[in-house]
Amino acid sequence: MVVEVVYADADRQVLLRVELPHGSSVKQVIDLSGIAGELPDGVVDLHRLGVFGDRVAPDRTVQNGDRIEIYRPLLLDPMEARRRRAR
C-alpha cells in the first residue's frame, strides 16, 4: 500500500511517498516516513492531522492512496482577522 505524507509552510512543501503494510495508522505512517526529521522541532502535532482535508485522529487506519496532511497552527484566529478587516 502506498500513501503520501505532506507538510507545507510559507517557504516550502515536503511531500513523501511511503510504502507500508495494510492496517497501518496515520501515526505509524508519519513515523515510517521520517518527515519529522526534515521539519523544525514541534511542527508535527498529532492533534493537527488530516486526510484529504478532513481532520483525523492519529489512530485512524489509512487506505491505499491516502494523503496524510500535517497542519500548521493558526497564526491568527479567524474571528480576530474578521474584526481587523472590519475596522
PDB file of N, CA and C in Angstrom:
ATOM      1  N   MET A   1       0.853  -1.164   0.000  1.00  0.00           N
ATOM      2  CA  MET A   1       0.000   0.000   0.000  1.00  0.00           C
ATOM      3  C   MET A   1       0.908   1.238   0.000  1.00  0.00           C
ATOM      4  N   VAL A   2       0.510   2.257  -0.761  1.00  0.00           N
ATOM      5  CA  VAL A   2       1.301   3.487  -0.873  1.00  0.00           C
ATOM      6  C   VAL A   2       0.433   4.677  -0.481  1.00  0.00           C
ATOM      7  N   VAL A   3       0.981   5.557   0.389  1.00  0.00           N
ATOM      8  CA  VAL A   3       0.310   6.794   0.786  1.00  0.00           C
ATOM      9  C   VAL A   3       1.314   7.935   0.703  1.00  0.00           C
ATOM     10  N   GLU A   4       0.821   9.163   0.747  1.00  0.00           N
ATOM     11  CA  GLU A   4       1.674  10.344   0.751  1.00  0.00           C
ATOM     12  C   GLU A   4       1.554  11.044   2.091  1.00  0.00           C
ATOM     13  N   VAL A   5       2.654  11.639   2.535  1.00  0.00           N
ATOM     14  CA  VAL A   5       2.678  12.478   3.735  1.00  0.00           C
ATOM     15  C   VAL A   5       3.138  13.853   3.278  1.00  0.00           C
ATOM     16  N   VAL A   6       2.343  14.899   3.611  1.00  0.00           N
ATOM     17  CA  VAL A   6       2.682  16.240   3.145  1.00  0.00           C
ATOM     18  C   VAL A   6       2.655  17.252   4.285  1.00  0.00           C
ATOM     19  N   TYR A   7       3.517  18.246   4.130  1.00  0.00           N
ATOM     20  CA  TYR A   7       3.551  19.400   5.028  1.00  0.00           C
ATOM     21  C   TYR A   7       3.934  20.601   4.178  1.00  0.00           C
ATOM     22  N   ALA A   8       3.281  21.729   4.405  1.00  0.00           N
ATOM     23  CA  ALA A   8       3.622  22.935   3.655  1.00  0.00           C
ATOM     24  C   ALA A   8       3.603  24.127   4.592  1.00  0.00           C
ATOM     25  N   ASP A   9       4.569  25.010   4.398  1.00  0.00           N
ATOM     26  CA  ASP A   9       4.555  26.298   5.091  1.00  0.00           C
ATOM     27  C   ASP A   9       4.796  27.377   4.043  1.00  0.00           C
ATOM     28  N   ALA A  10       5.029  28.578   4.468  1.00  0.00           N
ATOM     29  CA  ALA A  10       5.175  29.690   3.529  1.00  0.00           C
ATOM     30  C   ALA A  10       6.393  29.540   2.616  1.00  0.00           C
ATOM     31  N   ASP A  11       7.414  28.819   3.077  1.00  0.00           N
ATOM     32  CA  ASP A  11       8.670  28.733   2.324  1.00  0.00           C
ATOM     33  C   ASP A  11       8.834  27.472   1.495  1.00  0.00           C
ATOM     34  N   ARG A  12       8.206  26.382   1.907  1.00  0.00           N
ATOM     35  CA  ARG A  12       8.451  25.131   1.190  1.00  0.00           C
ATOM     36  C   ARG A  12       7.326  24.132   1.420  1.00  0.00           C
ATOM     37  N   GLN A  13       7.383  23.090   0.588  1.00  0.00           N
ATOM     38  CA  GLN A  13       6.443  21.981   0.718  1.00  0.00           C
ATOM     39  C   GLN A  13       7.258  20.697   0.757  1.00  0.00           C
ATOM     40  N   VAL A  14       6.877  19.796   1.653  1.00  0.00           N
ATOM     41  CA  VAL A  14       7.526  18.491   1.746  1.00  0.00           C
ATOM     42  C   VAL A  14       6.472  17.442   1.429  1.00  0.00           C
ATOM     43  N   LEU A  15       6.750  16.591   0.456  1.00  0.00           N
ATOM     44  CA  LEU A  15       5.851  15.517   0.075  1.00  0.00           C
ATOM     45  C   LEU A  15       6.660  14.236  -0.007  1.00  0.00           C
ATOM     46  N   LEU A  16       6.265  13.243   0.772  1.00  0.00           N
ATOM     47  CA  LEU A  16       6.957  11.960   0.782  1.00  0.00           C
ATOM     48  C   LEU A  16       5.962  10.847   0.481  1.00  0.00           C
ATOM     49  N   ARG A  17       6.370   9.896  -0.356  1.00  0.00           N
ATOM     50  CA  ARG A  17       5.564   8.706  -0.603  1.00  0.00           C
ATOM     51  C   ARG A  17       6.098   7.588   0.280  1.00  0.00           C
ATOM     52  N   VAL A  18       5.184   6.854   0.899  1.00  0.00           N
ATOM     53  CA  VAL A  18       5.567   5.813   1.844  1.00  0.00           C
ATOM     54  C   VAL A  18       4.859   4.518   1.478  1.00  0.00           C
ATOM     55  N   GLU A  19       5.626   3.438   1.412  1.00  0.00           N
ATOM     56  CA  GLU A  19       5.046   2.101   1.261  1.00  0.00           C
ATOM     57  C   GLU A  19       4.937   1.494   2.640  1.00  0.00           C
ATOM     58  N   LEU A  20       3.781   0.922   2.944  1.00  0.00           N
ATOM     59  CA  LEU A  20       3.570   0.373   4.270  1.00  0.00           C
ATOM     60  C   LEU A  20       2.567  -0.757   4.210  1.00  0.00           C
ATOM     61  N   PRO A  21       2.506  -1.569   5.268  1.00  0.00           N
ATOM     62  CA  PRO A  21       1.567  -2.686   5.283  1.00  0.00           C
ATOM     63  C   PRO A  21       0.136  -2.214   5.528  1.00  0.00           C
ATOM     64  N   HIS A  22      -0.824  -2.997   5.039  1.00  0.00           N
ATOM     65  CA  HIS A  22      -2.241  -2.711   5.290  1.00  0.00           C
ATOM     66  C   HIS A  22      -2.510  -2.697   6.785  1.00  0.00           C
ATOM     67  N   GLY A  23      -3.434  -1.854   7.217  1.00  0.00           N
ATOM     68  CA  GLY A  23      -3.793  -1.768   8.629  1.00  0.00           C
ATOM     69  C   GLY A  23      -2.959  -0.776   9.415  1.00  0.00           C
ATOM     70  N   SER A  24      -2.102  -0.013   8.738  1.00  0.00           N
ATOM     71  CA  SER A  24      -1.264   0.975   9.430  1.00  0.00           C
ATOM     72  C   SER A  24      -2.090   2.201   9.803  1.00  0.00           C
ATOM     73  N   SER A  25      -1.698   2.849  10.890  1.00  0.00           N
ATOM     74  CA  SER A  25      -2.393   4.055  11.340  1.00  0.00           C
ATOM     75  C   SER A  25      -1.695   5.299  10.802  1.00  0.00           C
ATOM     76  N   VAL A  26      -2.366   6.427  10.918  1.00  0.00           N
ATOM     77  CA  VAL A  26      -1.799   7.707  10.490  1.00  0.00           C
ATOM     78  C   VAL A  26      -0.490   7.965  11.241  1.00  0.00           C
ATOM     79  N   LYS A  27      -0.472   7.730  12.540  1.00  0.00           N
ATOM     80  CA  LYS A  27       0.749   7.943  13.341  1.00  0.00           C
ATOM     81  C   LYS A  27       1.886   7.059  12.847  1.00  0.00           C
ATOM     82  N   GLN A  28       1.593   5.804  12.540  1.00  0.00           N
ATOM     83  CA  GLN A  28       2.627   4.899  12.044  1.00  0.00           C
ATOM     84  C   GLN A  28       3.182   5.375  10.712  1.00  0.00           C
ATOM     85  N   VAL A  29       2.320   5.901   9.846  1.00  0.00           N
ATOM     86  CA  VAL A  29       2.769   6.421   8.551  1.00  0.00           C
ATOM     87  C   VAL A  29       3.725   7.589   8.760  1.00  0.00           C
ATOM     88  N   ILE A  30       3.375   8.500   9.659  1.00  0.00           N
ATOM     89  CA  ILE A  30       4.241   9.648   9.928  1.00  0.00           C
ATOM     90  C   ILE A  30       5.585   9.190  10.476  1.00  0.00           C
ATOM     91  N   ASP A  31       5.562   8.231  11.385  1.00  0.00           N
ATOM     92  CA  ASP A  31       6.809   7.710  11.936  1.00  0.00           C
ATOM     93  C   ASP A  31       7.659   7.030  10.858  1.00  0.00           C
ATOM     94  N   LEU A  32       7.031   6.209  10.014  1.00  0.00           N
ATOM     95  CA  LEU A  32       7.764   5.500   8.960  1.00  0.00           C
ATOM     96  C   LEU A  32       8.313   6.447   7.895  1.00  0.00           C
ATOM     97  N   SER A  33       7.614   7.551   7.644  1.00  0.00           N
ATOM     98  CA  SER A  33       8.045   8.476   6.592  1.00  0.00           C
ATOM     99  C   SER A  33       9.330   9.216   6.949  1.00  0.00           C
ATOM    100  N   GLY A  34       9.567   9.437   8.252  1.00  0.00           N
ATOM    101  CA  GLY A  34      10.735  10.202   8.671  1.00  0.00           C
ATOM    102  C   GLY A  34      10.581  11.697   8.450  1.00  0.00           C
ATOM    103  N   ILE A  35       9.374  12.160   8.163  1.00  0.00           N
ATOM    104  CA  ILE A  35       9.150  13.577   7.868  1.00  0.00           C
ATOM    105  C   ILE A  35       9.473  14.465   9.066  1.00  0.00           C
ATOM    106  N   ALA A  36       9.293  13.955  10.271  1.00  0.00           N
ATOM    107  CA  ALA A  36       9.573  14.760  11.470  1.00  0.00           C
ATOM    108  C   ALA A  36      11.037  15.198  11.508  1.00  0.00           C
ATOM    109  N   GLY A  37      11.932  14.392  10.961  1.00  0.00           N
ATOM    110  CA  GLY A  37      13.348  14.744  10.920  1.00  0.00           C
ATOM    111  C   GLY A  37      13.669  15.850   9.932  1.00  0.00           C
ATOM    112  N   GLU A  38      12.796  16.080   8.966  1.00  0.00           N
ATOM    113  CA  GLU A  38      13.010  17.122   7.963  1.00  0.00           C
ATOM    114  C   GLU A  38      12.376  18.456   8.340  1.00  0.00           C
ATOM    115  N   LEU A  39      11.600  18.461   9.421  1.00  0.00           N
ATOM    116  CA  LEU A  39      10.858  19.662   9.815  1.00  0.00           C
ATOM    117  C   LEU A  39      11.386  20.202  11.138  1.00  0.00           C
ATOM    118  N   PRO A  40      11.141  21.466  11.426  1.00  0.00           N
ATOM    119  CA  PRO A  40      11.562  22.019  12.721  1.00  0.00           C
ATOM    120  C   PRO A  40      10.886  21.273  13.875  1.00  0.00           C
ATOM    121  N   ASP A  41      11.553  21.264  15.022  1.00  0.00           N
ATOM    122  CA  ASP A  41      11.005  20.582  16.195  1.00  0.00           C
ATOM    123  C   ASP A  41       9.633  21.142  16.552  1.00  0.00           C
ATOM    124  N   GLY A  42       8.735  20.256  16.922  1.00  0.00           N
ATOM    125  CA  GLY A  42       7.423  20.657  17.380  1.00  0.00           C
ATOM    126  C   GLY A  42       6.397  20.899  16.300  1.00  0.00           C
ATOM    127  N   VAL A  43       6.769  20.775  15.035  1.00  0.00           N
ATOM    128  CA  VAL A  43       5.825  21.030  13.950  1.00  0.00           C
ATOM    129  C   VAL A  43       4.798  19.903  13.849  1.00  0.00           C
ATOM    130  N   VAL A  44       5.243  18.662  14.027  1.00  0.00           N
ATOM    131  CA  VAL A  44       4.331  17.526  13.920  1.00  0.00           C
ATOM    132  C   VAL A  44       3.574  17.384  15.237  1.00  0.00           C
ATOM    133  N   ASP A  45       2.316  17.794  15.210  1.00  0.00           N
ATOM    134  CA  ASP A  45       1.424  17.687  16.363  1.00  0.00           C
ATOM    135  C   ASP A  45       0.335  16.685  15.988  1.00  0.00           C
ATOM    136  N   LEU A  46       0.211  15.613  16.757  1.00  0.00           N
ATOM    137  CA  LEU A  46      -0.738  14.558  16.423  1.00  0.00           C
ATOM    138  C   LEU A  46      -2.194  15.001  16.519  1.00  0.00           C
ATOM    139  N   HIS A  47      -2.434  16.210  16.999  1.00  0.00           N
ATOM    140  CA  HIS A  47      -3.796  16.740  17.065  1.00  0.00           C
ATOM    141  C   HIS A  47      -4.120  17.617  15.860  1.00  0.00           C
ATOM    142  N   ARG A  48      -3.146  17.797  14.945  1.00  0.00           N
ATOM    143  CA  ARG A  48      -3.355  18.620  13.750  1.00  0.00           C
ATOM    144  C   ARG A  48      -3.003  17.810  12.502  1.00  0.00           C
ATOM    145  N   LEU A  49      -3.774  16.755  12.267  1.00  0.00           N
ATOM    146  CA  LEU A  49      -3.540  15.874  11.125  1.00  0.00           C
ATOM    147  C   LEU A  49      -4.818  15.744  10.313  1.00  0.00           C
ATOM    148  N   GLY A  50      -4.663  15.448   9.038  1.00  0.00           N
ATOM    149  CA  GLY A  50      -5.831  15.256   8.192  1.00  0.00           C
ATOM    150  C   GLY A  50      -5.541  14.312   7.051  1.00  0.00           C
ATOM    151  N   VAL A  51      -6.615  13.872   6.407  1.00  0.00           N
ATOM    152  CA  VAL A  51      -6.525  13.063   5.194  1.00  0.00           C
ATOM    153  C   VAL A  51      -7.423  13.737   4.164  1.00  0.00           C
ATOM    154  N   PHE A  52      -6.830  14.218   3.096  1.00  0.00           N
ATOM    155  CA  PHE A  52      -7.553  14.933   2.036  1.00  0.00           C
ATOM    156  C   PHE A  52      -8.427  16.048   2.598  1.00  0.00           C
ATOM    157  N   GLY A  53      -7.900  16.824   3.543  1.00  0.00           N
ATOM    158  CA  GLY A  53      -8.607  17.994   4.055  1.00  0.00           C
ATOM    159  C   GLY A  53      -9.554  17.736   5.217  1.00  0.00           C
ATOM    160  N   ASP A  54      -9.749  16.497   5.603  1.00  0.00           N
ATOM    161  CA  ASP A  54     -10.600  16.171   6.748  1.00  0.00           C
ATOM    162  C   ASP A  54      -9.728  15.818   7.936  1.00  0.00           C
ATOM    163  N   ARG A  55      -9.989  16.459   9.076  1.00  0.00           N
ATOM    164  CA  ARG A  55      -9.204  16.167  10.283  1.00  0.00           C
ATOM    165  C   ARG A  55      -9.445  14.729  10.715  1.00  0.00           C
ATOM    166  N   VAL A  56      -8.355  14.080  11.159  1.00  0.00           N
ATOM    167  CA  VAL A  56      -8.438  12.683  11.594  1.00  0.00           C
ATOM    168  C   VAL A  56      -7.649  12.495  12.883  1.00  0.00           C
ATOM    169  N   ALA A  57      -7.977  11.415  13.580  1.00  0.00           N
ATOM    170  CA  ALA A  57      -7.233  11.027  14.780  1.00  0.00           C
ATOM    171  C   ALA A  57      -5.986  10.259  14.353  1.00  0.00           C
ATOM    172  N   PRO A  58      -4.931  10.299  15.175  1.00  0.00           N
ATOM    173  CA  PRO A  58      -3.688   9.612  14.810  1.00  0.00           C
ATOM    174  C   PRO A  58      -3.839   8.099  14.700  1.00  0.00           C
ATOM    175  N   ASP A  59      -4.871   7.530  15.305  1.00  0.00           N
ATOM    176  CA  ASP A  59      -5.038   6.075  15.248  1.00  0.00           C
ATOM    177  C   ASP A  59      -5.928   5.623  14.084  1.00  0.00           C
ATOM    178  N   ARG A  60      -6.345   6.550  13.230  1.00  0.00           N
ATOM    179  CA  ARG A  60      -7.168   6.185  12.068  1.00  0.00           C
ATOM    180  C   ARG A  60      -6.362   5.306  11.125  1.00  0.00           C
ATOM    181  N   THR A  61      -6.989   4.261  10.616  1.00  0.00           N
ATOM    182  CA  THR A  61      -6.343   3.363   9.660  1.00  0.00           C
ATOM    183  C   THR A  61      -6.340   4.025   8.287  1.00  0.00           C
ATOM    184  N   VAL A  62      -5.192   3.989   7.628  1.00  0.00           N
ATOM    185  CA  VAL A  62      -5.078   4.618   6.311  1.00  0.00           C
ATOM    186  C   VAL A  62      -5.464   3.632   5.214  1.00  0.00           C
ATOM    187  N   GLN A  63      -5.876   4.193   4.082  1.00  0.00           N
ATOM    188  CA  GLN A  63      -6.236   3.415   2.902  1.00  0.00           C
ATOM    189  C   GLN A  63      -5.208   3.684   1.808  1.00  0.00           C
ATOM    190  N   ASN A  64      -5.092   2.772   0.877  1.00  0.00           N
ATOM    191  CA  ASN A  64      -4.175   2.944  -0.237  1.00  0.00           C
ATOM    192  C   ASN A  64      -4.490   4.245  -0.976  1.00  0.00           C
ATOM    193  N   GLY A  65      -3.477   5.070  -1.219  1.00  0.00           N
ATOM    194  CA  GLY A  65      -3.636   6.321  -1.944  1.00  0.00           C
ATOM    195  C   GLY A  65      -3.980   7.521  -1.081  1.00  0.00           C
ATOM    196  N   ASP A  66      -4.144   7.342   0.239  1.00  0.00           N
ATOM    197  CA  ASP A  66      -4.446   8.471   1.124  1.00  0.00           C
ATOM    198  C   ASP A  66      -3.312   9.492   1.111  1.00  0.00           C
ATOM    199  N   ARG A  67      -3.668  10.755   1.351  1.00  0.00           N
ATOM    200  CA  ARG A  67      -2.682  11.822   1.515  1.00  0.00           C
ATOM    201  C   ARG A  67      -2.792  12.315   2.957  1.00  0.00           C
ATOM    202  N   ILE A  68      -1.797  11.999   3.781  1.00  0.00           N
ATOM    203  CA  ILE A  68      -1.756  12.412   5.176  1.00  0.00           C
ATOM    204  C   ILE A  68      -1.195  13.823   5.213  1.00  0.00           C
ATOM    205  N   GLU A  69      -1.956  14.747   5.801  1.00  0.00           N
ATOM    206  CA  GLU A  69      -1.563  16.157   5.835  1.00  0.00           C
ATOM    207  C   GLU A  69      -1.243  16.569   7.269  1.00  0.00           C
ATOM    208  N   ILE A  70      -0.120  17.238   7.432  1.00  0.00           N
ATOM    209  CA  ILE A  70       0.288  17.777   8.737  1.00  0.00           C
ATOM    210  C   ILE A  70      -0.010  19.268   8.695  1.00  0.00           C
ATOM    211  N   TYR A  71      -0.920  19.709   9.558  1.00  0.00           N
ATOM    212  CA  TYR A  71      -1.354  21.099   9.544  1.00  0.00           C
ATOM    213  C   TYR A  71      -0.534  21.963  10.484  1.00  0.00           C
ATOM    214  N   ARG A  72      -0.345  23.219  10.083  1.00  0.00           N
ATOM    215  CA  ARG A  72       0.350  24.206  10.914  1.00  0.00           C
ATOM    216  C   ARG A  72      -0.642  24.840  11.873  1.00  0.00           C
ATOM    217  N   PRO A  73      -0.155  25.361  12.993  1.00  0.00           N
ATOM    218  CA  PRO A  73      -1.069  26.093  13.881  1.00  0.00           C
ATOM    219  C   PRO A  73      -1.462  27.422  13.232  1.00  0.00           C
ATOM    220  N   LEU A  74      -2.643  27.897  13.569  1.00  0.00           N
ATOM    221  CA  LEU A  74      -3.089  29.188  13.042  1.00  0.00           C
ATOM    222  C   LEU A  74      -2.257  30.312  13.640  1.00  0.00           C
ATOM    223  N   LEU A  75      -1.863  31.255  12.818  1.00  0.00           N
ATOM    224  CA  LEU A  75      -1.124  32.416  13.297  1.00  0.00           C
ATOM    225  C   LEU A  75      -2.059  33.482  13.840  1.00  0.00           C
ATOM    226  N   LEU A  76      -3.293  33.490  13.337  1.00  0.00           N
ATOM    227  CA  LEU A  76      -4.273  34.484  13.747  1.00  0.00           C
ATOM    228  C   LEU A  76      -5.641  33.812  13.765  1.00  0.00           C
ATOM    229  N   ASP A  77      -6.360  33.980  14.844  1.00  0.00           N
ATOM    230  CA  ASP A  77      -7.703  33.443  14.972  1.00  0.00           C
ATOM    231  C   ASP A  77      -8.590  34.034  13.874  1.00  0.00           C
ATOM    232  N   PRO A  78      -9.368  33.215  13.151  1.00  0.00           N
ATOM    233  CA  PRO A  78     -10.207  33.742  12.070  1.00  0.00           C
ATOM    234  C   PRO A  78     -11.179  34.825  12.523  1.00  0.00           C
ATOM    235  N   MET A  79     -11.714  34.712  13.727  1.00  0.00           N
ATOM    236  CA  MET A  79     -12.624  35.756  14.224  1.00  0.00           C
ATOM    237  C   MET A  79     -11.891  37.081  14.396  1.00  0.00           C
ATOM    238  N   GLU A  80     -10.676  37.028  14.903  1.00  0.00           N
ATOM    239  CA  GLU A  80      -9.885  38.255  15.073  1.00  0.00           C
ATOM    240  C   GLU A  80      -9.525  38.844  13.710  1.00  0.00           C
ATOM    241  N   ALA A  81      -9.239  38.015  12.749  1.00  0.00           N
ATOM    242  CA  ALA A  81      -8.918  38.505  11.402  1.00  0.00           C
ATOM    243  C   ALA A  81     -10.117  39.254  10.809  1.00  0.00           C
ATOM    244  N   ARG A  82     -11.307  38.722  11.000  1.00  0.00           N
ATOM    245  CA  ARG A  82     -12.506  39.410  10.513  1.00  0.00           C
ATOM    246  C   ARG A  82     -12.716  40.749  11.218  1.00  0.00           C
ATOM    247  N   ARG A  83     -12.473  40.757  12.524  1.00  0.00           N
ATOM    248  CA  ARG A  83     -12.618  42.030  13.272  1.00  0.00           C
ATOM    249  C   ARG A  83     -11.650  43.080  12.736  1.00  0.00           C
ATOM    250  N   ARG A  84     -10.422  42.680  12.458  1.00  0.00           N
ATOM    251  CA  ARG A  84      -9.425  43.624  11.954  1.00  0.00           C
ATOM    252  C   ARG A  84      -9.810  44.138  10.580  1.00  0.00           C
ATOM    253  N   ARG A  85     -10.329  43.282   9.731  1.00  0.00           N
ATOM    254  CA  ARG A  85     -10.742  43.735   8.395  1.00  0.00           C
ATOM    255  C   ARG A  85     -11.922  44.666   8.478  1.00  0.00           C
ATOM    256  N   ALA A  86     -12.809  44.440   9.437  1.00  0.00           N
ATOM    257  CA  ALA A  86     -13.999  45.280   9.586  1.00  0.00           C
ATOM    258  C   ALA A  86     -13.643  46.683  10.076  1.00  0.00           C
ATOM    259  N   ARG A  87     -12.558  46.826  10.804  1.00  0.00           N
ATOM    260  CA  ARG A  87     -12.135  48.141  11.308  1.00  0.00           C
ATOM    261  C   ARG A  87     -11.572  48.930  10.211  1.00  0.00           C
TER     262      ARG A  87
END
